[in-house]
Amino acid sequence: MLAALVSAKAMLKAILPNWADRVLDVDLVSKLSFYTGHLATFVLGYYLGNLKKRIPNWLLMTGAGLILAVIATGTYVLTVRSGEYNATFQGQNAGFEVLLAALIFLLFKQNGNRPSKILNRVPLVPLSLSIYLMHVTLLKMMYAAGFAVNSLRDALLGTAVNLVVCFFTMKTVATIKPLCYLATGMSYAAACRSCNWVYTYRWVKDWLNRKRSVSRSEPTPTGSHE
């Protein structure tokens, strides 16, 4: 209920005039703000992760398509009106992105909730939460340094830079034992098995050993006799 209230308030604030902010300023909702998002999104994530009821795929896909259309249309209209790129509809504080993410999550959960050996080997996955928590702070630093989004190219470039910096920062922090749990929420031993530089070193070492073993096991070609 709280997550639904937060999303509804955010959506209305994105659409209604500025004077309506006072009407929508619910004290409980405002006090639970977290960066540019809201703590209720974590509650929503936990709820969706444990949801047993199955929702028809066509309904999820239709809802996601409609929300995506609203986000695209809203972004276009606000950008044209202001004369510069406006991402109001794309942020968590607008609510639409949260709903879109929830629908896509449920779609994948219901149809692809199987452990992937390939996906589990990608260090980005275990670090996803810490990267998510860091990326807003890094964005603020980028904006303070003069970075601005004025085109699709700027948005893609900013996203790529943000992801790379967050990934390598969290990967490095996860290698420092006293900081690993505080920054990533996982134990140092778990990080060594999945994502930090110790994991990468072991993976590369194991890969090189396998290559050497294969080379040694291959039969040596003999010369031909006339």
Protein backbone atom coordinates (compact mmCIF):
# COMPACT_ATOMS: atom_id res chain seq x y z
CA MET A 1 0.00 0.00 0.00
CA LEU A 2 2.84 2.38 0.91
CA ALA A 3 4.68 1.62 -2.34
CA ALA A 4 1.48 2.20 -4.33
CA LEU A 5 0.89 5.50 -2.51
CA VAL A 6 4.43 6.66 -3.26
CA SER A 7 4.14 5.79 -6.97
CA ALA A 8 0.72 7.44 -7.26
CA LYS A 9 1.98 10.62 -5.58
CA ALA A 10 5.07 10.73 -7.81
CA MET A 11 3.05 10.23 -10.99
CA LEU A 12 0.60 12.97 -10.06
CA LYS A 13 3.43 15.38 -9.22
CA ALA A 14 4.96 14.75 -12.66
CA ILE A 15 1.69 15.59 -14.40
CA LEU A 16 0.00 18.25 -12.24
CA PRO A 17 1.12 21.90 -11.94
CA ASN A 18 3.64 22.93 -9.28
CA TRP A 19 0.98 24.45 -7.02
CA ALA A 20 -0.42 20.95 -6.46
CA ASP A 21 2.73 19.88 -4.58
CA ARG A 22 1.29 21.17 -1.30
CA VAL A 23 -1.79 18.98 -1.70
CA LEU A 24 0.29 15.90 -2.45
CA ASP A 25 2.87 16.53 0.29
CA VAL A 26 2.01 13.64 2.62
CA ASP A 27 4.30 13.73 5.66
CA LEU A 28 4.89 9.96 5.91
CA VAL A 29 5.72 9.66 2.24
CA SER A 30 8.06 12.68 2.24
CA LYS A 31 10.07 11.50 5.25
CA LEU A 32 10.91 8.18 3.60
CA SER A 33 12.70 9.74 0.63
CA PHE A 34 16.01 8.11 -0.32
CA TYR A 35 18.35 9.95 -2.72
CA THR A 36 16.07 10.80 -5.67
CA GLY A 37 13.92 7.73 -5.02
CA HIS A 38 12.10 6.34 -2.04
CA LEU A 39 12.62 3.67 0.58
CA ALA A 40 9.26 2.18 -0.35
CA THR A 41 10.81 0.88 -3.57
CA PHE A 42 12.88 -1.53 -1.48
CA VAL A 43 9.69 -2.69 0.23
CA LEU A 44 8.10 -3.11 -3.19
CA GLY A 45 11.08 -5.16 -4.38
CA TYR A 46 10.82 -7.49 -1.41
CA TYR A 47 7.07 -7.87 -1.93
CA LEU A 48 7.39 -8.64 -5.64
CA GLY A 49 10.24 -11.07 -4.97
CA ASN A 50 8.01 -13.08 -2.64
CA LEU A 51 4.79 -12.71 -4.63
CA LYS A 52 3.28 -16.14 -5.35
CA LYS A 53 0.32 -15.08 -7.48
CA ARG A 54 0.93 -15.35 -11.21
CA ILE A 55 -0.12 -12.42 -13.38
CA PRO A 56 -0.93 -13.09 -17.06
CA ASN A 57 2.02 -12.29 -19.32
CA TRP A 58 -0.16 -10.36 -21.77
CA LEU A 59 -1.25 -8.07 -18.97
CA LEU A 60 2.33 -7.43 -17.83
CA MET A 61 3.53 -6.75 -21.38
CA THR A 62 0.58 -4.49 -22.16
CA GLY A 63 1.10 -2.53 -18.95
CA ALA A 64 4.84 -2.19 -19.58
CA GLY A 65 4.19 -1.02 -23.15
CA LEU A 66 1.70 1.60 -22.02
CA ILE A 67 3.97 2.91 -19.24
CA LEU A 68 6.91 3.07 -21.66
CA ALA A 69 4.74 5.05 -24.07
CA VAL A 70 3.77 7.46 -21.28
CA ILE A 71 7.43 7.93 -20.30
CA ALA A 72 8.49 8.54 -23.92
CA THR A 73 5.61 10.92 -24.61
CA GLY A 74 6.06 12.81 -21.35
CA THR A 75 9.79 13.17 -21.94
CA TYR A 76 9.21 14.46 -25.47
CA VAL A 77 6.55 16.99 -24.44
CA LEU A 78 8.54 18.39 -21.51
CA THR A 79 11.72 18.56 -23.60
CA VAL A 80 9.97 20.49 -26.37
CA ARG A 81 8.35 22.87 -23.87
CA SER A 82 11.56 23.61 -21.96
CA GLY A 83 13.88 23.64 -24.95
CA GLU A 84 16.31 21.23 -23.30
CA TYR A 85 16.35 17.55 -22.42
CA ASN A 86 13.93 16.89 -19.54
CA ALA A 87 14.06 13.50 -17.79
CA THR A 88 11.31 14.11 -15.23
CA PHE A 89 9.27 11.16 -16.44
CA GLN A 90 12.31 8.87 -16.39
CA GLY A 91 13.30 9.28 -12.75
CA GLN A 92 12.15 7.27 -9.75
CA ASN A 93 10.64 10.42 -8.33
CA ALA A 94 8.09 10.36 -11.17
CA GLY A 95 6.81 6.90 -10.30
CA PHE A 96 6.45 5.64 -13.87
CA GLU A 97 9.92 4.09 -13.96
CA VAL A 98 9.22 2.21 -10.72
CA LEU A 99 6.02 0.74 -12.15
CA LEU A 100 7.75 -0.17 -15.42
CA ALA A 101 10.58 -1.88 -13.53
CA ALA A 102 8.06 -3.80 -11.42
CA LEU A 103 6.21 -5.09 -14.48
CA ILE A 104 9.40 -6.13 -16.26
CA PHE A 105 10.70 -7.81 -13.09
CA LEU A 106 7.53 -9.86 -12.74
CA LEU A 107 7.66 -10.81 -16.42
CA PHE A 108 11.19 -12.17 -16.09
CA LYS A 109 10.50 -13.73 -12.71
CA GLN A 110 7.55 -15.70 -14.03
CA ASN A 111 9.19 -16.81 -17.27
CA GLY A 112 12.91 -16.93 -16.63
CA ASN A 113 13.41 -17.56 -12.94
CA ARG A 114 16.12 -20.17 -13.50
CA PRO A 115 19.75 -19.80 -12.36
CA SER A 116 21.96 -19.05 -15.33
CA LYS A 117 25.50 -20.41 -15.22
CA ILE A 118 26.65 -17.72 -17.65
CA LEU A 119 24.89 -14.87 -15.81
CA ASN A 120 26.20 -15.99 -12.42
CA ARG A 121 29.75 -15.72 -13.75
CA VAL A 122 29.33 -12.04 -14.61
CA PRO A 123 30.70 -10.03 -11.64
CA LEU A 124 28.25 -7.23 -12.43
CA VAL A 125 25.30 -9.22 -11.07
CA PRO A 126 26.40 -9.63 -7.41
CA LEU A 127 27.41 -5.95 -7.35
CA SER A 128 24.14 -4.67 -8.82
CA LEU A 129 22.69 -3.37 -5.54
CA SER A 130 25.86 -1.52 -4.52
CA ILE A 131 26.17 -0.05 -8.03
CA TYR A 132 22.55 1.08 -7.84
CA LEU A 133 23.17 2.78 -4.50
CA MET A 134 26.35 4.49 -5.73
CA HIS A 135 25.22 5.66 -9.15
CA VAL A 136 23.06 8.54 -7.89
CA THR A 137 25.93 10.01 -5.86
CA LEU A 138 28.23 9.69 -8.85
CA LEU A 139 25.64 11.35 -11.09
CA LYS A 140 25.47 14.32 -8.73
CA MET A 141 29.28 14.58 -8.85
CA MET A 142 29.21 14.44 -12.65
CA TYR A 143 26.60 17.19 -12.83
CA ALA A 144 28.56 19.31 -10.36
CA ALA A 145 31.63 18.88 -12.57
CA GLY A 146 29.72 20.32 -15.54
CA PHE A 147 28.30 17.24 -17.23
CA ALA A 148 24.92 17.91 -18.87
CA VAL A 149 22.50 15.77 -20.86
CA ASN A 150 21.45 17.65 -23.98
CA SER A 151 21.04 14.74 -26.39
CA LEU A 152 20.60 10.98 -26.62
CA ARG A 153 24.35 10.68 -27.18
CA ASP A 154 25.03 12.50 -23.89
CA ALA A 155 22.57 10.25 -22.06
CA LEU A 156 24.16 7.06 -23.42
CA LEU A 157 27.69 8.31 -22.76
CA GLY A 158 26.82 9.39 -19.21
CA THR A 159 25.18 6.04 -18.50
CA ALA A 160 28.19 4.11 -19.80
CA VAL A 161 30.69 6.18 -17.82
CA ASN A 162 28.59 5.94 -14.67
CA LEU A 163 28.25 2.16 -14.96
CA VAL A 164 31.97 1.58 -15.60
CA VAL A 165 33.11 3.83 -12.73
CA CYS A 166 30.58 2.36 -10.28
CA PHE A 167 31.45 -1.21 -11.28
CA PHE A 168 35.21 -0.88 -10.86
CA THR A 169 34.83 1.14 -7.67
CA MET A 170 32.54 -1.43 -6.05
CA LYS A 171 34.69 -4.29 -7.34
CA THR A 172 37.72 -2.70 -5.69
CA VAL A 173 35.91 -1.92 -2.44
CA ALA A 174 34.66 -5.51 -2.32
CA THR A 175 38.30 -6.60 -2.35
CA ILE A 176 38.96 -4.71 0.89
CA LYS A 177 37.84 -7.08 3.62
CA PRO A 178 36.75 -4.52 6.29
CA LEU A 179 34.67 -2.57 3.74
CA CYS A 180 33.24 -5.42 1.68
CA TYR A 181 30.08 -6.10 3.68
CA LEU A 182 29.39 -2.43 4.37
CA ALA A 183 29.54 -1.52 0.68
CA THR A 184 28.04 -4.59 -0.99
CA GLY A 185 25.94 -6.39 1.64
CA MET A 186 27.81 -9.64 1.04
CA SER A 187 30.53 -11.34 3.02
CA TYR A 188 34.15 -11.12 1.91
CA ALA A 189 34.19 -14.86 1.24
CA ALA A 190 31.10 -14.55 -0.99
CA ALA A 191 32.70 -11.65 -2.88
CA CYS A 192 35.84 -13.71 -3.44
CA ARG A 193 33.67 -16.41 -4.98
CA SER A 194 31.70 -14.09 -7.25
CA CYS A 195 32.80 -10.54 -8.02
CA ASN A 196 35.87 -8.88 -6.46
CA TRP A 197 39.44 -8.76 -7.78
CA VAL A 198 40.35 -11.93 -5.90
CA TYR A 199 37.61 -13.70 -7.86
CA THR A 200 38.93 -12.24 -11.13
CA TYR A 201 42.51 -13.27 -10.32
CA ARG A 202 41.43 -16.83 -9.52
CA TRP A 203 39.27 -17.00 -12.64
CA VAL A 204 42.11 -15.85 -14.91
CA LYS A 205 44.57 -18.19 -13.19
CA ASP A 206 42.19 -21.13 -13.59
CA TRP A 207 41.55 -20.24 -17.24
CA LEU A 208 45.29 -20.12 -17.98
CA ASN A 209 45.82 -23.46 -16.23
CA ARG A 210 43.07 -25.05 -18.32
CA LYS A 211 44.63 -23.69 -21.50
CA ARG A 212 48.01 -25.14 -20.52
CA SER A 213 46.43 -28.50 -19.67
CA VAL A 214 44.71 -28.65 -23.05
CA SER A 215 47.96 -27.75 -24.83
CA ARG A 216 49.89 -30.48 -23.01
CA SER A 217 47.22 -33.11 -23.69
CA GLU A 218 47.15 -32.48 -27.43
CA PRO A 219 49.16 -35.09 -29.38
CA THR A 220 52.39 -33.84 -30.94
CA PRO A 221 52.18 -34.02 -34.74
CA THR A 222 54.70 -36.46 -36.23
CA GLY A 223 56.55 -35.80 -39.45
CA SER A 224 55.41 -37.56 -42.60
CA HIS A 225 57.58 -40.32 -44.12
CA GLU A 226 58.17 -40.53 -47.82
